[in-house]
Amino acid sequence: MPQGKIKRLTDRGFGFIETADKNDMFFHMSTLLNAQWDDLQEGQSVEFEIGEGPKGPRAEQVKVL
């Protein structure tokens, strides 16, 4: 599974993960597996699956490490 760090969180339930190759990957709070949205912090390490959203690639099955 790809890994990265949470780069930015919004108050609307989505955020961005900075991937190992320095790209930003969109994710939505509904894709979290082992954490609650309110417990997330920028800089946390995560792993995820890459899926396809309406606007391009997005992180799915996001798991805090």
N, C-alpha and C. Protein backbone atom coordinates (compact mmCIF):
# COMPACT_ATOMS: atom_id res chain seq x y z
N MET A 1 0.85 -1.19 0.00
CA MET A 1 0.00 0.00 0.00
C MET A 1 0.89 1.24 0.00
N PRO A 2 0.50 2.26 -0.78
CA PRO A 2 1.25 3.52 -0.75
C PRO A 2 1.13 4.18 0.63
N GLN A 3 2.14 4.95 0.97
CA GLN A 3 2.13 5.67 2.23
C GLN A 3 2.40 7.14 1.99
N GLY A 4 2.01 7.96 2.96
CA GLY A 4 2.24 9.39 2.89
C GLY A 4 1.96 10.02 4.23
N LYS A 5 1.91 11.35 4.24
CA LYS A 5 1.61 12.10 5.45
C LYS A 5 0.47 13.06 5.16
N ILE A 6 -0.39 13.25 6.16
CA ILE A 6 -1.48 14.19 5.99
C ILE A 6 -0.89 15.59 5.86
N LYS A 7 -1.19 16.22 4.74
CA LYS A 7 -0.64 17.54 4.47
C LYS A 7 -1.58 18.65 4.92
N ARG A 8 -2.88 18.45 4.65
CA ARG A 8 -3.84 19.49 4.98
C ARG A 8 -5.20 18.87 5.27
N LEU A 9 -5.86 19.40 6.30
CA LEU A 9 -7.22 18.98 6.66
C LEU A 9 -8.13 20.20 6.58
N THR A 10 -9.37 19.99 6.16
CA THR A 10 -10.33 21.09 6.10
C THR A 10 -11.43 20.85 7.12
N ASP A 11 -12.23 21.85 7.36
CA ASP A 11 -13.36 21.69 8.27
C ASP A 11 -14.60 21.14 7.54
N ARG A 12 -14.44 20.78 6.27
CA ARG A 12 -15.55 20.24 5.49
C ARG A 12 -15.45 18.73 5.28
N GLY A 13 -14.53 18.08 5.99
CA GLY A 13 -14.48 16.62 5.93
C GLY A 13 -13.61 16.03 4.83
N PHE A 14 -12.70 16.81 4.31
CA PHE A 14 -11.75 16.25 3.35
C PHE A 14 -10.38 16.86 3.59
N GLY A 15 -9.39 16.24 2.98
CA GLY A 15 -8.03 16.72 3.15
C GLY A 15 -7.15 16.20 2.03
N PHE A 16 -5.84 16.40 2.22
CA PHE A 16 -4.87 16.00 1.22
C PHE A 16 -3.70 15.28 1.90
N ILE A 17 -3.24 14.23 1.24
CA ILE A 17 -2.10 13.45 1.70
C ILE A 17 -0.94 13.76 0.78
N GLU A 18 0.23 14.06 1.35
CA GLU A 18 1.44 14.21 0.55
C GLU A 18 2.05 12.82 0.38
N THR A 19 2.12 12.36 -0.85
CA THR A 19 2.63 11.03 -1.14
C THR A 19 4.15 11.01 -1.14
N ALA A 20 4.73 9.83 -1.22
CA ALA A 20 6.19 9.68 -1.20
C ALA A 20 6.85 10.42 -2.36
N ASP A 21 6.16 10.54 -3.49
CA ASP A 21 6.74 11.26 -4.63
C ASP A 21 6.33 12.73 -4.65
N LYS A 22 5.90 13.24 -3.49
CA LYS A 22 5.59 14.66 -3.26
C LYS A 22 4.36 15.17 -4.01
N ASN A 23 3.48 14.27 -4.42
CA ASN A 23 2.21 14.69 -5.00
C ASN A 23 1.15 14.75 -3.92
N ASP A 24 0.11 15.54 -4.15
CA ASP A 24 -1.00 15.63 -3.20
C ASP A 24 -2.12 14.71 -3.66
N MET A 25 -2.65 13.93 -2.71
CA MET A 25 -3.72 12.99 -3.00
C MET A 25 -4.93 13.38 -2.15
N PHE A 26 -6.06 13.65 -2.79
CA PHE A 26 -7.30 14.00 -2.11
C PHE A 26 -7.82 12.80 -1.32
N PHE A 27 -8.42 13.05 -0.16
CA PHE A 27 -9.16 12.00 0.55
C PHE A 27 -10.35 12.60 1.29
N HIS A 28 -11.37 11.79 1.49
CA HIS A 28 -12.58 12.20 2.19
C HIS A 28 -12.69 11.44 3.50
N MET A 29 -13.30 12.04 4.48
CA MET A 29 -13.42 11.41 5.80
C MET A 29 -14.13 10.06 5.76
N SER A 30 -14.96 9.82 4.78
CA SER A 30 -15.68 8.55 4.69
C SER A 30 -14.77 7.38 4.33
N THR A 31 -13.52 7.68 3.93
CA THR A 31 -12.59 6.61 3.54
C THR A 31 -11.68 6.18 4.68
N LEU A 32 -11.82 6.78 5.87
CA LEU A 32 -10.98 6.43 7.01
C LEU A 32 -11.36 5.05 7.56
N LEU A 33 -10.35 4.24 7.88
CA LEU A 33 -10.61 2.90 8.39
C LEU A 33 -10.46 2.78 9.89
N ASN A 34 -9.44 3.36 10.47
CA ASN A 34 -9.15 3.11 11.88
C ASN A 34 -9.03 4.38 12.71
N ALA A 35 -9.66 5.45 12.26
CA ALA A 35 -9.56 6.72 12.98
C ALA A 35 -10.83 7.54 12.76
N GLN A 36 -11.06 8.47 13.66
CA GLN A 36 -12.15 9.43 13.52
C GLN A 36 -11.58 10.72 12.94
N TRP A 37 -12.38 11.42 12.17
CA TRP A 37 -11.93 12.66 11.53
C TRP A 37 -11.35 13.65 12.55
N ASP A 38 -12.02 13.81 13.67
CA ASP A 38 -11.59 14.79 14.67
C ASP A 38 -10.27 14.42 15.34
N ASP A 39 -9.84 13.17 15.21
CA ASP A 39 -8.58 12.73 15.82
C ASP A 39 -7.38 12.91 14.89
N LEU A 40 -7.62 13.22 13.62
CA LEU A 40 -6.51 13.36 12.67
C LEU A 40 -5.75 14.65 12.91
N GLN A 41 -4.46 14.59 12.57
CA GLN A 41 -3.59 15.77 12.67
C GLN A 41 -2.72 15.84 11.44
N GLU A 42 -2.44 17.05 11.01
CA GLU A 42 -1.51 17.23 9.90
C GLU A 42 -0.16 16.69 10.30
N GLY A 43 0.49 16.00 9.37
CA GLY A 43 1.80 15.40 9.64
C GLY A 43 1.73 13.93 10.01
N GLN A 44 0.53 13.40 10.30
CA GLN A 44 0.40 11.98 10.64
C GLN A 44 0.70 11.12 9.42
N SER A 45 1.34 9.99 9.66
CA SER A 45 1.62 9.03 8.59
C SER A 45 0.39 8.16 8.35
N VAL A 46 0.12 7.91 7.08
CA VAL A 46 -1.03 7.09 6.69
C VAL A 46 -0.63 6.17 5.54
N GLU A 47 -1.42 5.12 5.35
CA GLU A 47 -1.31 4.32 4.15
C GLU A 47 -2.69 4.26 3.53
N PHE A 48 -2.75 4.00 2.23
CA PHE A 48 -4.01 4.11 1.52
C PHE A 48 -3.96 3.34 0.22
N GLU A 49 -5.14 3.11 -0.34
CA GLU A 49 -5.28 2.56 -1.68
C GLU A 49 -5.55 3.72 -2.63
N ILE A 50 -5.15 3.59 -3.86
CA ILE A 50 -5.43 4.64 -4.85
C ILE A 50 -6.69 4.26 -5.62
N GLY A 51 -7.66 5.15 -5.60
CA GLY A 51 -8.91 4.94 -6.32
C GLY A 51 -9.12 6.05 -7.32
N GLU A 52 -10.22 6.01 -8.00
CA GLU A 52 -10.54 7.02 -9.00
C GLU A 52 -11.81 7.74 -8.59
N GLY A 53 -11.71 9.05 -8.46
CA GLY A 53 -12.86 9.88 -8.12
C GLY A 53 -13.32 10.66 -9.33
N PRO A 54 -14.36 11.47 -9.17
CA PRO A 54 -14.88 12.25 -10.29
C PRO A 54 -13.90 13.28 -10.84
N LYS A 55 -12.92 13.67 -10.02
CA LYS A 55 -11.95 14.67 -10.46
C LYS A 55 -10.55 14.09 -10.60
N GLY A 56 -10.42 12.77 -10.63
CA GLY A 56 -9.12 12.14 -10.78
C GLY A 56 -8.79 11.21 -9.63
N PRO A 57 -7.51 10.85 -9.50
CA PRO A 57 -7.10 9.91 -8.45
C PRO A 57 -7.41 10.45 -7.06
N ARG A 58 -7.75 9.52 -6.15
CA ARG A 58 -7.99 9.90 -4.76
C ARG A 58 -7.59 8.74 -3.86
N ALA A 59 -7.32 9.06 -2.61
CA ALA A 59 -6.96 8.04 -1.62
C ALA A 59 -8.23 7.41 -1.08
N GLU A 60 -8.21 6.09 -0.95
CA GLU A 60 -9.32 5.34 -0.38
C GLU A 60 -8.76 4.38 0.65
N GLN A 61 -9.60 3.90 1.55
CA GLN A 61 -9.20 2.99 2.61
C GLN A 61 -7.98 3.54 3.37
N VAL A 62 -8.11 4.79 3.81
CA VAL A 62 -7.02 5.51 4.48
C VAL A 62 -6.89 4.98 5.91
N LYS A 63 -5.69 4.58 6.26
CA LYS A 63 -5.40 3.97 7.56
C LYS A 63 -4.24 4.73 8.22
N VAL A 64 -4.47 5.22 9.44
CA VAL A 64 -3.41 5.90 10.19
C VAL A 64 -2.41 4.87 10.67
N LEU A 65 -1.13 5.18 10.51
CA LEU A 65 -0.07 4.25 10.95
C LEU A 65 0.37 4.56 12.37
